[in-house]
C-alpha atoms as a PDB file:
ATOM      1  CA  MET A   1     129.158 122.559 113.589  1.00  0.00           C
ATOM      2  CA  PRO A   2     126.149 120.607 114.932  1.00  0.00           C
ATOM      3  CA  SER A   3     126.781 117.970 117.298  1.00  0.00           C
ATOM      4  CA  ILE A   4     125.201 114.467 117.737  1.00  0.00           C
ATOM      5  CA  PRO A   5     122.995 114.630 120.702  1.00  0.00           C
ATOM      6  CA  ARG A   6     123.537 112.268 123.721  1.00  0.00           C
ATOM      7  CA  PRO A   7     121.181 109.343 123.748  1.00  0.00           C
ATOM      8  CA  LEU A   8     118.344 109.393 126.279  1.00  0.00           C
ATOM      9  CA  ASP A   9     119.177 105.635 127.278  1.00  0.00           C
ATOM     10  CA  PRO A  10     122.481 104.554 126.022  1.00  0.00           C
ATOM     11  CA  HIS A  11     121.354 100.870 126.778  1.00  0.00           C
ATOM     12  CA  ASP A  12     118.348 101.249 124.462  1.00  0.00           C
ATOM     13  CA  ASP A  13     117.732  98.104 122.500  1.00  0.00           C
ATOM     14  CA  GLY A  14     115.707  99.896 119.768  1.00  0.00           C
ATOM     15  CA  GLY A  15     112.499  98.043 120.416  1.00  0.00           C
ATOM     16  CA  ALA A  16     109.130  99.773 120.633  1.00  0.00           C
ATOM     17  CA  ALA A  17     107.856 100.283 124.100  1.00  0.00           C
ATOM     18  CA  PRO A  18     105.271  97.657 124.876  1.00  0.00           C
ATOM     19  CA  ALA A  19     102.673 100.189 125.972  1.00  0.00           C
ATOM     20  CA  VAL A  20     103.079 102.128 122.754  1.00  0.00           C
ATOM     21  CA  ALA A  21     102.896  98.954 120.540  1.00  0.00           C
ATOM     22  CA  ALA A  22      99.809  97.907 122.486  1.00  0.00           C
ATOM     23  CA  ALA A  23      98.072 101.239 122.139  1.00  0.00           C
ATOM     24  CA  LEU A  24      98.820 101.431 118.365  1.00  0.00           C
ATOM     25  CA  ALA A  25      97.482  97.940 117.849  1.00  0.00           C
ATOM     26  CA  SER A  26      94.288  98.759 119.724  1.00  0.00           C
ATOM     27  CA  TYR A  27      93.991 101.909 117.720  1.00  0.00           C
ATOM     28  CA  GLN A  28      94.178 100.016 114.613  1.00  0.00           C
ATOM     29  CA  GLU A  29      91.520  97.618 115.779  1.00  0.00           C
ATOM     30  CA  GLY A  30      89.176 100.338 116.705  1.00  0.00           C
ATOM     31  CA  ALA A  31      89.388  99.430 120.398  1.00  0.00           C
ATOM     32  CA  ALA A  32      91.146 102.474 121.401  1.00  0.00           C
ATOM     33  CA  ASP A  33      91.114 106.213 120.250  1.00  0.00           C
ATOM     34  CA  ALA A  34      93.857 108.767 119.532  1.00  0.00           C
ATOM     35  CA  ALA A  35      93.840 109.969 123.063  1.00  0.00           C
ATOM     36  CA  ASP A  36      94.952 106.482 124.233  1.00  0.00           C
ATOM     37  CA  VAL A  37      97.738 106.537 121.649  1.00  0.00           C
ATOM     38  CA  LEU A  38      98.719 109.866 122.740  1.00  0.00           C
ATOM     39  CA  ASN A  39      98.891 109.063 126.370  1.00  0.00           C
ATOM     40  CA  ALA A  40     100.986 105.943 125.542  1.00  0.00           C
ATOM     41  CA  LEU A  41     103.422 108.052 123.501  1.00  0.00           C
ATOM     42  CA  SER A  42     103.660 111.107 125.995  1.00  0.00           C
ATOM     43  CA  GLY A  43     106.395 109.416 128.079  1.00  0.00           C
ATOM     44  CA  ALA A  44     107.812 107.250 125.260  1.00  0.00           C
ATOM     45  CA  ARG A  45     111.112 107.382 123.464  1.00  0.00           C
ATOM     46  CA  LEU A  46     110.812 107.884 119.710  1.00  0.00           C
ATOM     47  CA  LEU A  47     113.506 107.369 117.003  1.00  0.00           C
ATOM     48  CA  VAL A  48     113.856 110.200 114.630  1.00  0.00           C
ATOM     49  CA  PRO A  49     115.814 109.406 111.433  1.00  0.00           C
ATOM     50  CA  VAL A  50     118.698 111.178 109.955  1.00  0.00           C
ATOM     51  CA  VAL A  51     120.068 110.252 106.491  1.00  0.00           C
ATOM     52  CA  ALA A  52     123.125 111.011 104.609  1.00  0.00           C
ATOM     53  CA  LEU A  53     122.759 113.648 101.847  1.00  0.00           C
ATOM     54  CA  LEU A  54     125.376 114.021  99.183  1.00  0.00           C
ATOM     55  CA  THR A  55     126.519 117.719  98.997  1.00  0.00           C
ATOM     56  CA  GLU A  56     129.565 117.287  96.621  1.00  0.00           C
ATOM     57  CA  SER A  57     130.972 114.692  94.426  1.00  0.00           C
ATOM     58  CA  GLU A  58     133.961 114.354  92.318  1.00  0.00           C
ATOM     59  CA  VAL A  59     135.336 112.035  89.507  1.00  0.00           C
ATOM     60  CA  GLY A  60     137.935 109.743  90.860  1.00  0.00           C
ATOM     61  CA  ALA A  61     141.189 108.369  89.520  1.00  0.00           C
ATOM     62  CA  HIS A  62     139.270 105.502  87.830  1.00  0.00           C
ATOM     63  CA  GLY A  63     136.953 107.877  86.066  1.00  0.00           C
ATOM     64  CA  LEU A  64     133.979 106.951  88.373  1.00  0.00           C
ATOM     65  CA  ARG A  65     131.843 109.665  90.259  1.00  0.00           C
ATOM     66  CA  GLN A  66     132.420 109.370  94.009  1.00  0.00           C
ATOM     67  CA  GLU A  67     131.403 111.171  97.235  1.00  0.00           C
ATOM     68  CA  LYS A  68     133.473 113.936  98.188  1.00  0.00           C
ATOM     69  CA  GLU A  69     131.270 115.415 101.059  1.00  0.00           C
ATOM     70  CA  SER A  70     127.993 114.576 102.622  1.00  0.00           C
ATOM     71  CA  GLU A  71     125.801 115.907 105.540  1.00  0.00           C
ATOM     72  CA  MET A  72     123.327 114.346 107.655  1.00  0.00           C
ATOM     73  CA  ALA A  73     119.884 115.569 107.209  1.00  0.00           C
ATOM     74  CA  LEU A  74     116.358 115.192 108.880  1.00  0.00           C
ATOM     75  CA  PRO A  75     114.058 114.025 106.065  1.00  0.00           C
ATOM     76  CA  LYS A  76     110.552 115.303 106.001  1.00  0.00           C
ATOM     77  CA  LEU A  77     107.535 113.732 104.296  1.00  0.00           C
ATOM     78  CA  VAL A  78     105.715 116.180 101.916  1.00  0.00           C
ATOM     79  CA  GLY A  79     101.983 115.493 101.202  1.00  0.00           C
ATOM     80  CA  ALA A  80     100.161 116.030  98.012  1.00  0.00           C
ATOM     81  CA  ASP A  81      98.881 119.342  99.325  1.00  0.00           C
ATOM     82  CA  GLY A  82     102.443 120.505 100.098  1.00  0.00           C
ATOM     83  CA  ARG A  83     102.246 120.243 103.903  1.00  0.00           C
ATOM     84  CA  GLN A  84     105.268 118.788 105.481  1.00  0.00           C
ATOM     85  CA  ALA A  85     105.442 116.178 108.348  1.00  0.00           C
ATOM     86  CA  VAL A  86     108.403 115.109 110.625  1.00  0.00           C
ATOM     87  CA  LEU A  87     108.915 111.459 110.792  1.00  0.00           C
ATOM     88  CA  ALA A  88     109.292 109.556 113.967  1.00  0.00           C
ATOM     89  CA  PHE A  89     109.346 105.799 114.724  1.00  0.00           C
ATOM     90  CA  THR A  90     108.580 103.749 117.712  1.00  0.00           C
ATOM     91  CA  GLY A  91     111.470 101.499 117.231  1.00  0.00           C
ATOM     92  CA  SER A  92     114.228 100.463 114.928  1.00  0.00           C
ATOM     93  CA  GLU A  93     112.184  97.795 113.150  1.00  0.00           C
ATOM     94  CA  ALA A  94     109.689 100.304 112.053  1.00  0.00           C
ATOM     95  CA  LEU A  95     112.420 102.684 111.152  1.00  0.00           C
ATOM     96  CA  ALA A  96     114.339 100.080 108.975  1.00  0.00           C
ATOM     97  CA  ARG A  97     110.757  99.162 107.344  1.00  0.00           C
ATOM     98  CA  TRP A  98     110.801 102.749 105.956  1.00  0.00           C
ATOM     99  CA  ARG A  99     114.438 103.099 105.106  1.00  0.00           C
ATOM    100  CA  PRO A 100     117.059 100.640 106.264  1.00  0.00           C
ATOM    101  CA  ASP A 101     119.919 103.075 105.795  1.00  0.00           C
ATOM    102  CA  ALA A 102     118.385 105.830 108.020  1.00  0.00           C
ATOM    103  CA  ARG A 103     120.224 106.209 111.373  1.00  0.00           C
ATOM    104  CA  PRO A 104     118.158 106.760 114.505  1.00  0.00           C
ATOM    105  CA  ILE A 105     118.235 109.636 116.922  1.00  0.00           C
ATOM    106  CA  GLN A 106     116.440 109.175 120.465  1.00  0.00           C
ATOM    107  CA  ALA A 107     113.988 111.882 121.360  1.00  0.00           C
ATOM    108  CA  THR A 108     110.842 111.999 123.429  1.00  0.00           C
ATOM    109  CA  ALA A 109     107.524 112.400 121.773  1.00  0.00           C
ATOM    110  CA  LEU A 110     107.136 115.787 123.067  1.00  0.00           C
ATOM    111  CA  GLN A 111     110.663 116.735 121.843  1.00  0.00           C
ATOM    112  CA  VAL A 112     109.678 115.529 118.309  1.00  0.00           C
ATOM    113  CA  CYS A 113     106.476 117.671 118.470  1.00  0.00           C
ATOM    114  CA  GLN A 114     108.512 120.666 119.490  1.00  0.00           C
ATOM    115  CA  ALA A 115     110.914 120.141 116.610  1.00  0.00           C
ATOM    116  CA  ALA A 116     108.121 119.750 114.171  1.00  0.00           C
ATOM    117  CA  VAL A 117     106.522 123.062 115.220  1.00  0.00           C
ATOM    118  CA  GLN A 118     110.020 124.733 115.029  1.00  0.00           C
ATOM    119  CA  GLU A 119     110.457 123.333 111.563  1.00  0.00           C
ATOM    120  CA  LYS A 120     107.050 124.642 110.559  1.00  0.00           C
ATOM    121  CA  ALA A 121     105.820 121.070 109.849  1.00  0.00           C
ATOM    122  CA  ALA A 122     101.993 120.471 109.848  1.00  0.00           C
ATOM    123  CA  ALA A 123     102.293 117.118 111.559  1.00  0.00           C
ATOM    124  CA  VAL A 124     104.389 114.353 113.064  1.00  0.00           C
ATOM    125  CA  VAL A 125     103.822 110.926 111.407  1.00  0.00           C
ATOM    126  CA  VAL A 126     104.760 108.126 113.693  1.00  0.00           C
ATOM    127  CA  ASP A 127     105.629 104.743 111.905  1.00  0.00           C
ATOM    128  CA  VAL A 128     104.730 105.848 108.397  1.00  0.00           C
ATOM    129  CA  ALA A 129     105.440 102.525 106.875  1.00  0.00           C
ATOM    130  CA  GLY A 130     103.780 100.628 109.669  1.00  0.00           C
ATOM    131  CA  PRO A 131     102.823  98.582 111.413  1.00  0.00           C
ATOM    132  CA  VAL A 132     100.458 101.136 112.571  1.00  0.00           C
ATOM    133  CA  GLN A 133     100.588 104.647 111.228  1.00  0.00           C
ATOM    134  CA  PHE A 134      99.597 107.504 113.605  1.00  0.00           C
ATOM    135  CA  VAL A 135      99.442 111.317 112.805  1.00  0.00           C
ATOM    136  CA  ILE A 136      99.791 114.016 115.418  1.00  0.00           C
ATOM    137  CA  GLU A 137      98.755 117.338 113.946  1.00  0.00           C
ATOM    138  CA  GLY A 138      96.864 120.626 114.552  1.00  0.00           C
ATOM    139  CA  ALA A 139      96.044 121.907 117.993  1.00  0.00           C
ATOM    140  CA  VAL A 140      97.310 118.638 119.585  1.00  0.00           C
ATOM    141  CA  LEU A 141     100.757 118.938 117.922  1.00  0.00           C
ATOM    142  CA  GLU A 142     100.977 122.666 118.992  1.00  0.00           C
ATOM    143  CA  ALA A 143      99.823 121.560 122.484  1.00  0.00           C
ATOM    144  CA  LEU A 144     102.423 118.886 122.895  1.00  0.00           C
ATOM    145  CA  ALA A 145     105.221 121.173 121.493  1.00  0.00           C
ATOM    146  CA  ALA A 146     104.225 123.802 124.035  1.00  0.00           C
ATOM    147  CA  VAL A 147     104.331 121.361 126.938  1.00  0.00           C
ATOM    148  CA  GLU A 148     107.935 120.451 126.016  1.00  0.00           C
ATOM    149  CA  SER A 149     108.873 124.123 125.494  1.00  0.00           C
ATOM    150  CA  GLY A 150     107.124 125.439 128.748  1.00  0.00           C
ATOM    151  CA  THR A 151     104.803 127.869 126.801  1.00  0.00           C
ATOM    152  CA  VAL A 152     101.551 126.238 127.585  1.00  0.00           C
ATOM    153  CA  ASP A 153     100.126 129.503 128.901  1.00  0.00           C
ATOM    154  CA  ARG A 154     100.447 130.974 125.411  1.00  0.00           C
ATOM    155  CA  LEU A 155      98.037 128.572 123.726  1.00  0.00           C
ATOM    156  CA  ASP A 156      94.497 129.974 123.281  1.00  0.00           C
ATOM    157  CA  GLY A 157      91.691 127.403 123.214  1.00  0.00           C
ATOM    158  CA  VAL A 158      93.826 124.379 123.835  1.00  0.00           C
ATOM    159  CA  THR A 159      93.334 122.124 126.814  1.00  0.00           C
ATOM    160  CA  VAL A 160      96.552 120.108 127.281  1.00  0.00           C
ATOM    161  CA  ALA A 161      94.936 117.720 129.853  1.00  0.00           C
ATOM    162  CA  LYS A 162      92.268 116.427 127.408  1.00  0.00           C
ATOM    163  CA  VAL A 163      93.167 115.192 123.954  1.00  0.00           C
ATOM    164  CA  GLU A 164      90.187 114.940 121.576  1.00  0.00           C
ATOM    165  CA  PRO A 165      90.384 111.974 119.093  1.00  0.00           C
ATOM    166  CA  VAL A 166      92.183 112.943 115.740  1.00  0.00           C
ATOM    167  CA  ARG A 167      90.463 111.620 112.585  1.00  0.00           C
ATOM    168  CA  ARG A 168      92.899 109.447 110.693  1.00  0.00           C
ATOM    169  CA  ARG A 169      94.495 110.981 107.527  1.00  0.00           C
ATOM    170  CA  ARG A 170      96.942 109.194 105.136  1.00  0.00           C
ATOM    171  CA  TRP A 171      99.858 111.331 104.457  1.00  0.00           C
ATOM    172  CA  PHE A 172     100.926 109.200 101.425  1.00  0.00           C
ATOM    173  CA  SER A 173      99.610 107.009  98.850  1.00  0.00           C
ATOM    174  CA  ARG A 174     101.060 103.559  98.010  1.00  0.00           C
ATOM    175  CA  LYS A 175     101.215 103.103  94.212  1.00  0.00           C
END
Protein backbone atom coordinates (compact mmCIF):
# COMPACT_ATOMS: atom_id res chain seq x y z
CA MET A 1 0.00 0.00 0.00
CA PRO A 2 1.43 3.43 -0.92
CA SER A 3 2.29 5.75 1.91
CA ILE A 4 1.85 9.49 2.20
CA PRO A 5 5.25 11.16 1.85
CA ARG A 6 6.63 13.29 4.64
CA PRO A 7 6.35 17.01 3.97
CA LEU A 8 9.46 18.89 2.87
CA ASP A 9 8.60 21.59 5.40
CA PRO A 10 6.05 20.74 8.10
CA HIS A 11 5.61 24.46 8.84
CA ASP A 12 4.82 25.39 5.21
CA ASP A 13 1.93 27.88 5.09
CA GLY A 14 1.07 26.99 1.47
CA GLY A 15 2.06 30.37 0.07
CA ALA A 16 3.94 30.77 -3.18
CA ALA A 17 7.63 31.53 -2.76
CA PRO A 18 8.12 35.28 -3.33
CA ALA A 19 10.97 34.71 -5.81
CA VAL A 20 8.83 32.33 -7.88
CA ALA A 21 5.82 34.67 -7.84
CA ALA A 22 8.03 37.58 -8.91
CA ALA A 23 9.66 35.57 -11.72
CA LEU A 24 6.28 34.41 -13.04
CA ALA A 25 4.86 37.95 -12.91
CA SER A 26 7.91 39.28 -14.80
CA TYR A 27 7.55 36.46 -17.33
CA GLN A 28 3.91 37.38 -17.93
CA GLU A 29 4.86 41.04 -18.44
CA GLY A 30 7.63 40.09 -20.87
CA ALA A 31 10.37 41.41 -18.58
CA ALA A 32 11.77 37.91 -17.89
CA ASP A 33 12.23 34.80 -19.97
CA ALA A 34 11.73 31.10 -19.26
CA ALA A 35 15.28 30.74 -17.93
CA ASP A 36 14.49 33.28 -15.19
CA VAL A 37 11.40 31.33 -14.17
CA LEU A 38 13.26 28.02 -14.24
CA ASN A 39 16.02 29.48 -12.05
CA ALA A 40 13.41 30.61 -9.52
CA LEU A 41 11.65 27.24 -9.64
CA SER A 42 14.85 25.18 -9.35
CA GLY A 43 14.99 25.34 -5.57
CA ALA A 44 11.31 25.98 -4.93
CA ARG A 45 8.67 23.85 -3.28
CA LEU A 46 5.71 23.07 -5.50
CA LEU A 47 2.40 21.49 -4.60
CA VAL A 48 1.30 18.43 -6.56
CA PRO A 49 -2.43 17.74 -6.35
CA VAL A 50 -4.03 14.47 -5.38
CA VAL A 51 -7.78 13.91 -5.66
CA ALA A 52 -10.19 11.25 -4.45
CA LEU A 53 -11.25 8.80 -7.14
CA LEU A 54 -14.34 6.68 -6.54
CA THR A 55 -13.50 3.03 -7.17
CA GLU A 56 -16.62 1.35 -5.83
CA SER A 57 -20.06 2.48 -4.75
CA GLU A 58 -23.10 0.78 -3.28
CA VAL A 59 -26.76 1.47 -2.64
CA GLY A 60 -27.31 2.31 1.01
CA ALA A 61 -30.16 1.46 3.36
CA HIS A 62 -32.14 4.51 2.17
CA GLY A 63 -31.87 3.56 -1.49
CA LEU A 64 -29.22 6.19 -2.29
CA ARG A 65 -25.93 5.46 -4.02
CA GLN A 66 -22.99 6.04 -1.69
CA GLU A 67 -19.23 5.69 -1.71
CA LYS A 68 -17.87 2.32 -0.66
CA GLU A 69 -14.21 2.67 -1.67
CA SER A 70 -12.04 5.42 -3.09
CA GLU A 71 -8.37 5.96 -3.86
CA MET A 72 -6.19 9.02 -4.04
CA ALA A 73 -4.99 9.73 -7.57
CA LEU A 74 -2.55 12.09 -9.28
CA PRO A 75 -4.56 13.90 -11.97
CA LYS A 76 -3.00 14.60 -15.36
CA LEU A 77 -3.93 17.17 -17.93
CA VAL A 78 -4.52 15.74 -21.41
CA GLY A 79 -4.07 18.10 -24.33
CA ALA A 80 -6.13 18.12 -27.52
CA ASP A 81 -3.25 16.27 -29.20
CA GLY A 82 -3.32 13.49 -26.58
CA ARG A 83 -0.13 14.49 -24.78
CA GLN A 84 -0.26 14.32 -21.00
CA ALA A 85 1.05 16.79 -18.45
CA VAL A 86 1.61 16.59 -14.72
CA LEU A 87 0.16 19.49 -12.78
CA ALA A 88 2.03 21.45 -10.13
CA PHE A 89 1.18 24.62 -8.25
CA THR A 90 3.24 27.36 -6.66
CA GLY A 91 0.92 27.60 -3.67
CA SER A 92 -2.37 26.54 -2.14
CA GLU A 93 -4.21 29.56 -3.58
CA ALA A 94 -3.28 28.57 -7.15
CA LEU A 95 -4.21 24.96 -6.38
CA ALA A 96 -7.63 25.98 -5.04
CA ARG A 97 -8.18 28.14 -8.13
CA TRP A 98 -7.87 24.97 -10.22
CA ARG A 99 -9.74 22.54 -7.96
CA PRO A 100 -10.69 23.39 -4.37
CA ASP A 101 -11.08 19.75 -3.30
CA ALA A 102 -7.56 18.70 -4.38
CA ARG A 103 -5.09 17.98 -1.61
CA PRO A 104 -1.48 19.16 -1.89
CA ILE A 105 1.66 17.07 -1.65
CA GLN A 106 4.91 19.04 -1.31
CA ALA A 107 7.66 18.33 -3.84
CA THR A 108 10.61 20.17 -5.31
CA ALA A 109 10.38 21.31 -8.92
CA LEU A 110 13.08 18.77 -9.81
CA GLN A 111 11.08 15.95 -8.15
CA VAL A 112 7.97 16.97 -10.10
CA CYS A 113 9.95 16.91 -13.36
CA GLN A 114 11.36 13.49 -12.53
CA ALA A 115 7.86 12.17 -11.73
CA ALA A 116 6.54 13.56 -15.03
CA VAL A 117 9.26 11.79 -17.00
CA GLN A 118 8.62 8.55 -15.09
CA GLU A 119 4.90 8.88 -15.87
CA LYS A 120 5.79 9.42 -19.55
CA ALA A 121 4.16 12.86 -19.47
CA ALA A 122 5.20 15.39 -22.09
CA ALA A 123 5.21 18.34 -19.72
CA VAL A 124 4.76 19.83 -16.28
CA VAL A 125 2.21 22.64 -16.21
CA VAL A 126 2.69 25.02 -13.30
CA ASP A 127 -0.38 26.96 -12.12
CA VAL A 128 -2.66 25.77 -14.92
CA ALA A 129 -5.50 28.03 -13.70
CA GLY A 130 -3.24 31.01 -13.08
CA PRO A 131 -2.33 33.52 -12.02
CA VAL A 132 0.49 32.82 -14.51
CA GLN A 133 0.68 29.48 -16.33
CA PHE A 134 4.17 28.10 -17.07
CA VAL A 135 5.03 24.94 -19.03
CA ILE A 136 8.18 22.85 -18.64
CA GLU A 137 8.60 20.41 -21.53
CA GLY A 138 10.96 18.77 -23.98
CA ALA A 139 14.69 18.72 -23.39
CA VAL A 140 14.34 21.09 -20.42
CA LEU A 141 11.95 18.68 -18.67
CA GLU A 142 14.27 15.76 -19.37
CA ALA A 143 17.30 17.70 -18.12
CA LEU A 144 15.64 18.74 -14.86
CA ALA A 145 14.44 15.18 -14.28
CA ALA A 146 17.96 13.92 -14.93
CA VAL A 147 19.41 16.37 -12.40
CA GLU A 148 17.06 14.98 -9.75
CA SER A 149 17.77 11.34 -10.63
CA GLY A 150 21.52 11.83 -10.98
CA THR A 151 21.62 10.67 -14.62
CA VAL A 152 22.84 13.93 -16.15
CA ASP A 153 25.68 12.17 -17.95
CA ARG A 154 23.20 10.12 -20.02
CA LEU A 155 21.56 13.08 -21.77
CA ASP A 156 22.87 13.70 -25.26
CA GLY A 157 22.87 17.26 -26.50
CA VAL A 158 21.41 18.87 -23.38
CA THR A 159 23.28 21.42 -21.33
CA VAL A 160 21.84 21.56 -17.84
CA ALA A 161 23.59 24.77 -16.82
CA LYS A 162 22.01 26.85 -19.59
CA VAL A 163 18.29 26.86 -20.20
CA GLU A 164 17.02 28.20 -23.51
CA PRO A 165 13.75 30.14 -23.47
CA VAL A 166 10.74 27.90 -23.99
CA ARG A 167 8.02 29.27 -26.25
CA ARG A 168 4.68 29.57 -24.55
CA ARG A 169 2.08 26.93 -25.33
CA ARG A 170 -1.46 26.73 -24.03
CA TRP A 171 -2.33 23.24 -22.88
CA PHE A 172 -6.01 23.89 -22.60
CA SER A 173 -8.66 26.14 -24.00
CA ARG A 174 -11.27 27.96 -22.01
CA LYS A 175 -14.75 27.65 -23.44
